[in-house]
Amino acid sequence: MDKKKCVSFILSLCAQYKNVIFLVMCLAVHFLYMFVFFIMKIYPFAFINLLSTAFYVAFLIFSKDKRSSEMSTVAAYFEILIFALLSETISRNTYGFIFFVLGMIPVIFFLAPSYGNKRFAFQGVGIVTAVLIDKMQLFIPESYFKQTFSALSLHEQHFRFINLLITLFTILYVTFFLQARSGYDAVRT
């Protein structure tokens, strides 16, 4: 097999398993964040990421075929929305977890094609969640999370940037895998 065919085969394989790759990447992000927040002694975030890590392990165990991996991806979408809402509430909308929601609104459309028009409803829930996150700080008194917020404020810009990069990378690789799959299907037919 020549180099071009080998690369094409690898890309098509990645495109075929894009949902599992997405779930593994989400697991990795939550697992790393769990340790970072634990080391930083920001226990609410460490705990939220521990729960998310457990969810992603279950999602991956459940992802046996294309249909179940799409179901796990849809479940992961809603986990991301809830995670971002909780995290931005605790940080008073400063850590950039809203980027995950904004990035997932278009990504869910490509990762769950068998859900058809339901994907538009999923996107609508994502849009509502993004608006809630943006306006959440208006409804929660500043003093409610003051201790946690003061510990977070030292690292605010770093985490915003990291979360922005994670979101952009996710959008790019999902789009890339979609295009690779489309190109591979066109060559096969």
Protein backbone atom coordinates (compact mmCIF):
# COMPACT_ATOMS: atom_id res chain seq x y z
CA MET A 1 0.00 0.00 0.00
CA ASP A 2 1.51 3.33 -1.01
CA LYS A 3 1.76 6.30 1.34
CA LYS A 4 -1.24 8.19 -0.12
CA LYS A 5 -3.54 5.17 0.17
CA CYS A 6 -2.31 4.50 3.70
CA VAL A 7 -3.07 8.08 4.80
CA SER A 8 -6.44 7.90 3.07
CA PHE A 9 -7.22 4.63 4.86
CA ILE A 10 -6.22 6.06 8.26
CA LEU A 11 -8.33 9.18 7.70
CA SER A 12 -11.34 7.13 6.65
CA LEU A 13 -10.89 4.93 9.71
CA CYS A 14 -10.77 8.04 11.94
CA ALA A 15 -13.87 9.38 10.19
CA GLN A 16 -15.64 6.08 10.74
CA TYR A 17 -14.85 6.17 14.48
CA LYS A 18 -15.20 9.95 14.92
CA ASN A 19 -17.71 9.59 17.74
CA VAL A 20 -15.49 7.27 19.75
CA ILE A 21 -12.53 9.59 19.16
CA PHE A 22 -14.69 12.50 20.33
CA LEU A 23 -15.66 10.61 23.51
CA VAL A 24 -12.03 9.68 24.22
CA MET A 25 -10.99 13.32 23.80
CA CYS A 26 -13.74 14.47 26.19
CA LEU A 27 -12.65 11.83 28.69
CA ALA A 28 -9.05 13.03 28.43
CA VAL A 29 -10.02 16.68 28.99
CA HIS A 30 -12.12 15.88 32.06
CA PHE A 31 -9.51 13.51 33.48
CA LEU A 32 -6.75 16.11 33.13
CA TYR A 33 -8.94 18.89 34.50
CA MET A 34 -9.87 16.67 37.46
CA PHE A 35 -6.22 16.42 38.44
CA VAL A 36 -5.43 20.07 37.73
CA PHE A 37 -8.30 21.30 39.88
CA PHE A 38 -7.49 18.80 42.62
CA ILE A 39 -3.87 19.98 42.71
CA MET A 40 -5.09 23.60 42.74
CA LYS A 41 -7.42 22.68 45.64
CA ILE A 42 -10.47 23.89 43.75
CA TYR A 43 -12.55 20.94 44.83
CA PRO A 44 -15.93 21.85 43.28
CA PHE A 45 -14.34 21.70 39.82
CA ALA A 46 -12.35 18.59 40.69
CA PHE A 47 -15.57 16.84 41.75
CA ILE A 48 -17.53 17.95 38.67
CA ASN A 49 -14.73 16.65 36.44
CA LEU A 50 -14.59 13.38 38.39
CA LEU A 51 -18.30 12.87 37.69
CA SER A 52 -17.81 13.77 34.03
CA THR A 53 -14.89 11.34 33.77
CA ALA A 54 -17.11 8.54 35.11
CA PHE A 55 -19.81 9.44 32.56
CA TYR A 56 -17.33 9.26 29.68
CA VAL A 57 -15.99 5.90 30.80
CA ALA A 58 -19.59 4.63 30.75
CA PHE A 59 -20.25 6.27 27.37
CA LEU A 60 -17.20 4.53 25.90
CA ILE A 61 -18.14 1.16 27.37
CA PHE A 62 -21.61 1.57 25.85
CA SER A 63 -20.26 2.57 22.39
CA LYS A 64 -20.15 -0.84 20.73
CA ASP A 65 -21.35 0.12 17.26
CA LYS A 66 -22.26 3.18 15.18
CA ARG A 67 -25.77 3.56 16.64
CA SER A 68 -24.67 3.22 20.27
CA SER A 69 -21.70 5.55 19.72
CA GLU A 70 -24.11 8.16 18.34
CA MET A 71 -26.37 7.67 21.37
CA SER A 72 -23.36 8.10 23.65
CA THR A 73 -22.35 11.21 21.75
CA VAL A 74 -25.82 12.72 22.16
CA ALA A 75 -25.69 11.89 25.89
CA ALA A 76 -22.21 13.48 25.99
CA TYR A 77 -23.63 16.60 24.32
CA PHE A 78 -26.10 17.04 27.16
CA GLU A 79 -23.37 16.27 29.72
CA ILE A 80 -21.29 19.06 28.17
CA LEU A 81 -24.21 21.48 28.44
CA ILE A 82 -24.80 20.62 32.10
CA PHE A 83 -21.06 20.65 32.88
CA ALA A 84 -20.63 24.08 31.30
CA LEU A 85 -23.68 25.47 33.07
CA LEU A 86 -22.47 24.24 36.47
CA SER A 87 -18.87 25.29 35.86
CA GLU A 88 -19.72 28.76 34.64
CA THR A 89 -22.11 29.21 37.56
CA ILE A 90 -19.33 28.36 40.03
CA SER A 91 -16.77 30.54 38.25
CA ARG A 92 -19.25 33.36 37.61
CA ASN A 93 -18.86 32.99 33.85
CA THR A 94 -15.11 33.61 33.76
CA TYR A 95 -13.40 30.34 32.79
CA GLY A 96 -14.69 30.04 29.25
CA PHE A 97 -16.59 26.78 29.65
CA ILE A 98 -19.30 28.47 27.57
CA PHE A 99 -16.96 27.88 24.62
CA PHE A 100 -17.68 24.14 24.94
CA VAL A 101 -21.40 24.83 24.48
CA LEU A 102 -20.84 27.20 21.56
CA GLY A 103 -18.58 24.66 19.86
CA MET A 104 -20.93 21.74 20.40
CA ILE A 105 -23.94 23.47 18.86
CA PRO A 106 -22.63 22.89 15.30
CA VAL A 107 -20.62 19.76 16.14
CA ILE A 108 -23.63 17.73 17.35
CA PHE A 109 -25.14 18.12 13.90
CA PHE A 110 -22.22 16.22 12.34
CA LEU A 111 -21.69 13.65 15.09
CA ALA A 112 -25.29 12.40 15.24
CA PRO A 113 -26.59 12.18 11.65
CA SER A 114 -29.00 9.33 12.38
CA TYR A 115 -30.97 11.63 14.72
CA GLY A 116 -32.21 13.64 11.72
CA ASN A 117 -34.33 16.66 12.64
CA LYS A 118 -33.93 16.01 16.37
CA ARG A 119 -30.48 17.54 15.98
CA PHE A 120 -32.12 20.94 15.49
CA ALA A 121 -33.86 20.54 18.86
CA PHE A 122 -30.52 19.55 20.40
CA GLN A 123 -29.00 22.69 18.94
CA GLY A 124 -31.89 24.74 20.33
CA VAL A 125 -31.20 23.36 23.81
CA GLY A 126 -27.55 24.31 23.33
CA ILE A 127 -28.49 27.85 22.34
CA VAL A 128 -30.75 28.23 25.38
CA THR A 129 -27.96 26.88 27.60
CA ALA A 130 -25.48 29.38 26.15
CA VAL A 131 -27.87 32.25 26.84
CA LEU A 132 -28.50 30.95 30.38
CA ILE A 133 -24.77 30.74 31.02
CA ASP A 134 -24.27 34.25 29.73
CA LYS A 135 -27.03 35.67 31.97
CA MET A 136 -26.57 33.34 34.97
CA GLN A 137 -24.33 35.67 36.90
CA LEU A 138 -27.16 38.21 37.06
CA PHE A 139 -29.25 35.81 39.16
CA ILE A 140 -26.66 34.51 41.61
CA PRO A 141 -25.32 36.83 44.31
CA GLU A 142 -21.60 37.45 43.97
CA SER A 143 -20.96 36.34 47.54
CA TYR A 144 -22.45 32.89 46.94
CA PHE A 145 -19.27 31.46 45.36
CA LYS A 146 -16.88 34.17 46.55
CA GLN A 147 -14.24 31.84 48.05
CA THR A 148 -14.14 29.58 45.01
CA PHE A 149 -14.28 32.54 42.66
CA SER A 150 -11.29 34.23 44.31
CA ALA A 151 -9.20 31.06 43.90
CA LEU A 152 -10.26 30.83 40.26
CA SER A 153 -9.61 34.45 39.34
CA LEU A 154 -5.83 33.94 39.43
CA HIS A 155 -6.01 31.55 36.49
CA GLU A 156 -8.99 32.93 34.62
CA GLN A 157 -7.24 33.93 31.38
CA HIS A 158 -5.26 30.68 31.17
CA PHE A 159 -8.33 28.50 31.43
CA ARG A 160 -10.35 30.67 29.05
CA PHE A 161 -7.58 30.30 26.47
CA ILE A 162 -7.23 26.54 27.03
CA ASN A 163 -11.01 26.05 26.76
CA LEU A 164 -11.10 28.15 23.59
CA LEU A 165 -8.32 26.00 22.07
CA ILE A 166 -10.09 22.76 23.05
CA THR A 167 -13.30 24.01 21.40
CA LEU A 168 -11.58 25.18 18.22
CA PHE A 169 -9.64 21.93 17.94
CA THR A 170 -12.86 19.92 18.35
CA ILE A 171 -14.63 21.89 15.63
CA LEU A 172 -11.65 21.52 13.29
CA TYR A 173 -11.09 17.80 13.73
CA VAL A 174 -14.80 16.93 13.47
CA THR A 175 -15.02 18.99 10.28
CA PHE A 176 -11.82 17.42 8.98
CA PHE A 177 -13.05 13.88 9.68
CA LEU A 178 -16.39 14.69 8.05
CA GLN A 179 -14.62 15.98 4.96
CA ALA A 180 -12.23 13.01 4.94
CA ARG A 181 -15.17 10.63 5.12
CA SER A 182 -16.99 12.46 2.32
CA GLY A 183 -13.88 12.32 0.15
CA TYR A 184 -13.37 8.66 0.92
CA ASP A 185 -17.00 7.83 0.09
CA ALA A 186 -16.74 9.79 -3.18
CA VAL A 187 -13.61 7.84 -4.20
CA ARG A 188 -15.29 4.50 -3.36
CA THR A 189 -18.37 5.18 -5.51
